[in-house]
Amino acid sequence: MDFTFNIGWMFGGLVITLAGGLIVMFYRQIADNMASGVSSYDRVKLFGIITIIIGLLITANLHILVLTLISNLLFNK
């Protein structure tokens, strides 16, 4: 697989990373208002961290590599 840098994916990944960072910063307010309160604090924070990781992969344009590896494992290519 050939790696190519794309400015559009970089900005999209930065926006996703920023959204994940905001989720981690305000996880208490998000859990209180949109989830089931104190019992879901850790779950909301985990979703924020997963969003940050996915955003960083998209920023570096490595999400295509990960998706290719997963599809090759699933479909035995």
N, C-alpha and C. Protein backbone atom coordinates (compact mmCIF):
# COMPACT_ATOMS: atom_id res chain seq x y z
N MET A 1 0.84 -1.17 0.00
CA MET A 1 0.00 0.00 0.00
C MET A 1 0.89 1.24 0.00
N ASP A 2 0.52 2.19 -0.81
CA ASP A 2 1.29 3.41 -0.94
C ASP A 2 0.70 4.50 -0.04
N PHE A 3 1.55 5.15 0.76
CA PHE A 3 1.09 6.21 1.65
C PHE A 3 1.11 7.53 0.92
N THR A 4 -0.01 8.23 0.93
CA THR A 4 -0.09 9.57 0.35
C THR A 4 -0.72 10.49 1.37
N PHE A 5 -0.16 11.68 1.47
CA PHE A 5 -0.69 12.68 2.40
C PHE A 5 -1.81 13.45 1.72
N ASN A 6 -2.89 13.66 2.46
CA ASN A 6 -4.03 14.39 1.93
C ASN A 6 -4.43 15.46 2.93
N ILE A 7 -4.45 16.70 2.50
CA ILE A 7 -4.74 17.82 3.40
C ILE A 7 -6.18 17.78 3.90
N GLY A 8 -7.10 17.28 3.09
CA GLY A 8 -8.49 17.17 3.50
C GLY A 8 -8.67 16.19 4.65
N TRP A 9 -8.03 15.02 4.55
CA TRP A 9 -8.10 14.04 5.64
C TRP A 9 -7.44 14.59 6.90
N MET A 10 -6.39 15.40 6.72
CA MET A 10 -5.73 15.97 7.89
C MET A 10 -6.67 16.90 8.66
N PHE A 11 -7.34 17.80 7.94
CA PHE A 11 -8.26 18.71 8.62
C PHE A 11 -9.45 17.96 9.21
N GLY A 12 -9.96 16.98 8.50
CA GLY A 12 -11.05 16.17 9.04
C GLY A 12 -10.64 15.43 10.30
N GLY A 13 -9.44 14.87 10.30
CA GLY A 13 -8.93 14.18 11.48
C GLY A 13 -8.70 15.11 12.65
N LEU A 14 -8.25 16.33 12.36
CA LEU A 14 -8.07 17.30 13.44
C LEU A 14 -9.40 17.70 14.06
N VAL A 15 -10.44 17.82 13.25
CA VAL A 15 -11.77 18.14 13.78
C VAL A 15 -12.28 17.00 14.65
N ILE A 16 -12.08 15.77 14.21
CA ILE A 16 -12.51 14.60 15.00
C ILE A 16 -11.71 14.53 16.30
N THR A 17 -10.41 14.80 16.24
CA THR A 17 -9.59 14.80 17.44
C THR A 17 -10.03 15.90 18.40
N LEU A 18 -10.35 17.06 17.89
CA LEU A 18 -10.84 18.15 18.73
C LEU A 18 -12.17 17.78 19.39
N ALA A 19 -13.06 17.15 18.65
CA ALA A 19 -14.33 16.72 19.22
C ALA A 19 -14.11 15.69 20.34
N GLY A 20 -13.19 14.76 20.13
CA GLY A 20 -12.88 13.79 21.18
C GLY A 20 -12.27 14.45 22.40
N GLY A 21 -11.42 15.44 22.18
CA GLY A 21 -10.84 16.18 23.31
C GLY A 21 -11.88 16.93 24.11
N LEU A 22 -12.86 17.51 23.40
CA LEU A 22 -13.95 18.19 24.10
C LEU A 22 -14.81 17.22 24.88
N ILE A 23 -15.02 16.02 24.34
CA ILE A 23 -15.77 15.00 25.07
C ILE A 23 -15.04 14.63 26.35
N VAL A 24 -13.71 14.46 26.28
CA VAL A 24 -12.94 14.10 27.47
C VAL A 24 -12.93 15.25 28.48
N MET A 25 -12.89 16.49 27.99
CA MET A 25 -12.88 17.64 28.91
C MET A 25 -14.21 17.81 29.64
N PHE A 26 -15.30 17.59 28.93
CA PHE A 26 -16.62 17.85 29.50
C PHE A 26 -17.42 16.56 29.69
N TYR A 27 -16.76 15.46 30.05
CA TYR A 27 -17.44 14.18 30.14
C TYR A 27 -18.50 14.17 31.25
N ARG A 28 -18.29 14.90 32.31
CA ARG A 28 -19.28 14.91 33.40
C ARG A 28 -20.59 15.56 32.95
N GLN A 29 -20.49 16.70 32.30
CA GLN A 29 -21.70 17.38 31.84
C GLN A 29 -22.41 16.55 30.76
N ILE A 30 -21.63 15.94 29.88
CA ILE A 30 -22.22 15.12 28.82
C ILE A 30 -22.92 13.91 29.43
N ALA A 31 -22.28 13.25 30.39
CA ALA A 31 -22.88 12.07 31.01
C ALA A 31 -24.11 12.44 31.82
N ASP A 32 -24.09 13.57 32.50
CA ASP A 32 -25.25 13.98 33.29
C ASP A 32 -26.45 14.32 32.40
N ASN A 33 -26.19 14.97 31.27
CA ASN A 33 -27.29 15.44 30.43
C ASN A 33 -27.74 14.45 29.36
N MET A 34 -26.82 13.62 28.86
CA MET A 34 -27.16 12.76 27.73
C MET A 34 -27.12 11.28 28.05
N ALA A 35 -26.51 10.90 29.14
CA ALA A 35 -26.41 9.49 29.49
C ALA A 35 -27.08 9.30 30.85
N SER A 36 -26.70 8.25 31.54
CA SER A 36 -27.38 7.93 32.79
C SER A 36 -26.66 8.45 34.02
N GLY A 37 -25.92 9.54 33.88
CA GLY A 37 -25.31 10.19 35.03
C GLY A 37 -23.99 9.59 35.46
N VAL A 38 -23.80 9.52 36.79
CA VAL A 38 -22.51 9.11 37.36
C VAL A 38 -22.10 7.71 36.91
N SER A 39 -23.06 6.84 36.68
CA SER A 39 -22.71 5.46 36.30
C SER A 39 -22.09 5.37 34.91
N SER A 40 -22.20 6.41 34.11
CA SER A 40 -21.66 6.36 32.76
C SER A 40 -20.49 7.31 32.54
N TYR A 41 -19.90 7.86 33.60
CA TYR A 41 -18.76 8.76 33.45
C TYR A 41 -17.61 8.08 32.71
N ASP A 42 -17.26 6.88 33.15
CA ASP A 42 -16.13 6.19 32.53
C ASP A 42 -16.42 5.81 31.08
N ARG A 43 -17.65 5.45 30.79
CA ARG A 43 -18.01 5.07 29.43
C ARG A 43 -17.90 6.27 28.49
N VAL A 44 -18.37 7.43 28.92
CA VAL A 44 -18.29 8.63 28.08
C VAL A 44 -16.83 9.04 27.88
N LYS A 45 -16.02 8.93 28.93
CA LYS A 45 -14.60 9.26 28.81
C LYS A 45 -13.90 8.29 27.86
N LEU A 46 -14.26 6.99 27.90
CA LEU A 46 -13.70 6.00 26.99
C LEU A 46 -14.06 6.31 25.55
N PHE A 47 -15.31 6.69 25.30
CA PHE A 47 -15.71 7.07 23.94
C PHE A 47 -14.91 8.27 23.45
N GLY A 48 -14.63 9.22 24.33
CA GLY A 48 -13.82 10.37 23.96
C GLY A 48 -12.39 9.98 23.61
N ILE A 49 -11.81 9.07 24.37
CA ILE A 49 -10.43 8.63 24.09
C ILE A 49 -10.38 7.84 22.79
N ILE A 50 -11.37 6.99 22.55
CA ILE A 50 -11.43 6.25 21.29
C ILE A 50 -11.57 7.22 20.11
N THR A 51 -12.36 8.27 20.28
CA THR A 51 -12.52 9.27 19.23
C THR A 51 -11.22 9.99 18.95
N ILE A 52 -10.45 10.29 20.00
CA ILE A 52 -9.14 10.93 19.81
C ILE A 52 -8.21 10.03 19.03
N ILE A 53 -8.17 8.75 19.36
CA ILE A 53 -7.29 7.80 18.66
C ILE A 53 -7.68 7.68 17.19
N ILE A 54 -8.97 7.56 16.92
CA ILE A 54 -9.43 7.47 15.53
C ILE A 54 -9.11 8.77 14.78
N GLY A 55 -9.29 9.91 15.44
CA GLY A 55 -8.96 11.19 14.81
C GLY A 55 -7.49 11.31 14.47
N LEU A 56 -6.62 10.82 15.35
CA LEU A 56 -5.18 10.87 15.05
C LEU A 56 -4.82 9.94 13.90
N LEU A 57 -5.47 8.77 13.83
CA LEU A 57 -5.22 7.88 12.69
C LEU A 57 -5.66 8.53 11.38
N ILE A 58 -6.81 9.20 11.41
CA ILE A 58 -7.29 9.87 10.20
C ILE A 58 -6.39 11.05 9.84
N THR A 59 -5.91 11.79 10.85
CA THR A 59 -5.01 12.92 10.58
C THR A 59 -3.74 12.47 9.88
N ALA A 60 -3.20 11.35 10.29
CA ALA A 60 -1.97 10.83 9.67
C ALA A 60 -2.26 10.00 8.42
N ASN A 61 -3.54 9.88 8.05
CA ASN A 61 -3.98 9.11 6.88
C ASN A 61 -3.60 7.63 7.00
N LEU A 62 -3.63 7.12 8.21
CA LEU A 62 -3.32 5.71 8.45
C LEU A 62 -4.58 4.86 8.60
N HIS A 63 -5.75 5.47 8.56
CA HIS A 63 -6.98 4.71 8.70
C HIS A 63 -7.18 3.76 7.52
N ILE A 64 -6.70 4.13 6.34
CA ILE A 64 -6.81 3.26 5.17
C ILE A 64 -5.99 1.99 5.39
N LEU A 65 -4.80 2.13 5.97
CA LEU A 65 -3.96 0.98 6.26
C LEU A 65 -4.64 0.03 7.25
N VAL A 66 -5.22 0.58 8.30
CA VAL A 66 -5.90 -0.25 9.30
C VAL A 66 -7.11 -0.95 8.69
N LEU A 67 -7.91 -0.22 7.91
CA LEU A 67 -9.07 -0.84 7.28
C LEU A 67 -8.67 -1.91 6.26
N THR A 68 -7.58 -1.70 5.55
CA THR A 68 -7.09 -2.71 4.61
C THR A 68 -6.66 -3.97 5.34
N LEU A 69 -5.93 -3.81 6.45
CA LEU A 69 -5.51 -4.98 7.22
C LEU A 69 -6.71 -5.76 7.77
N ILE A 70 -7.71 -5.05 8.26
CA ILE A 70 -8.90 -5.72 8.80
C ILE A 70 -9.66 -6.45 7.70
N SER A 71 -9.83 -5.80 6.55
CA SER A 71 -10.55 -6.47 5.46
C SER A 71 -9.78 -7.66 4.91
N ASN A 72 -8.46 -7.59 4.88
CA ASN A 72 -7.67 -8.74 4.44
C ASN A 72 -7.78 -9.89 5.43
N LEU A 73 -7.86 -9.59 6.72
CA LEU A 73 -8.04 -10.65 7.70
C LEU A 73 -9.43 -11.28 7.60
N LEU A 74 -10.43 -10.46 7.36
CA LEU A 74 -11.80 -10.99 7.29
C LEU A 74 -12.07 -11.78 6.02
N PHE A 75 -11.55 -11.32 4.90
CA PHE A 75 -11.87 -11.93 3.63
C PHE A 75 -10.73 -12.77 3.04
N ASN A 76 -9.69 -13.03 3.81
CA ASN A 76 -8.57 -13.92 3.45
C ASN A 76 -7.96 -13.61 2.10
N LYS A 77 -7.60 -12.37 1.91
CA LYS A 77 -6.93 -12.00 0.65
C LYS A 77 -5.45 -12.02 0.82
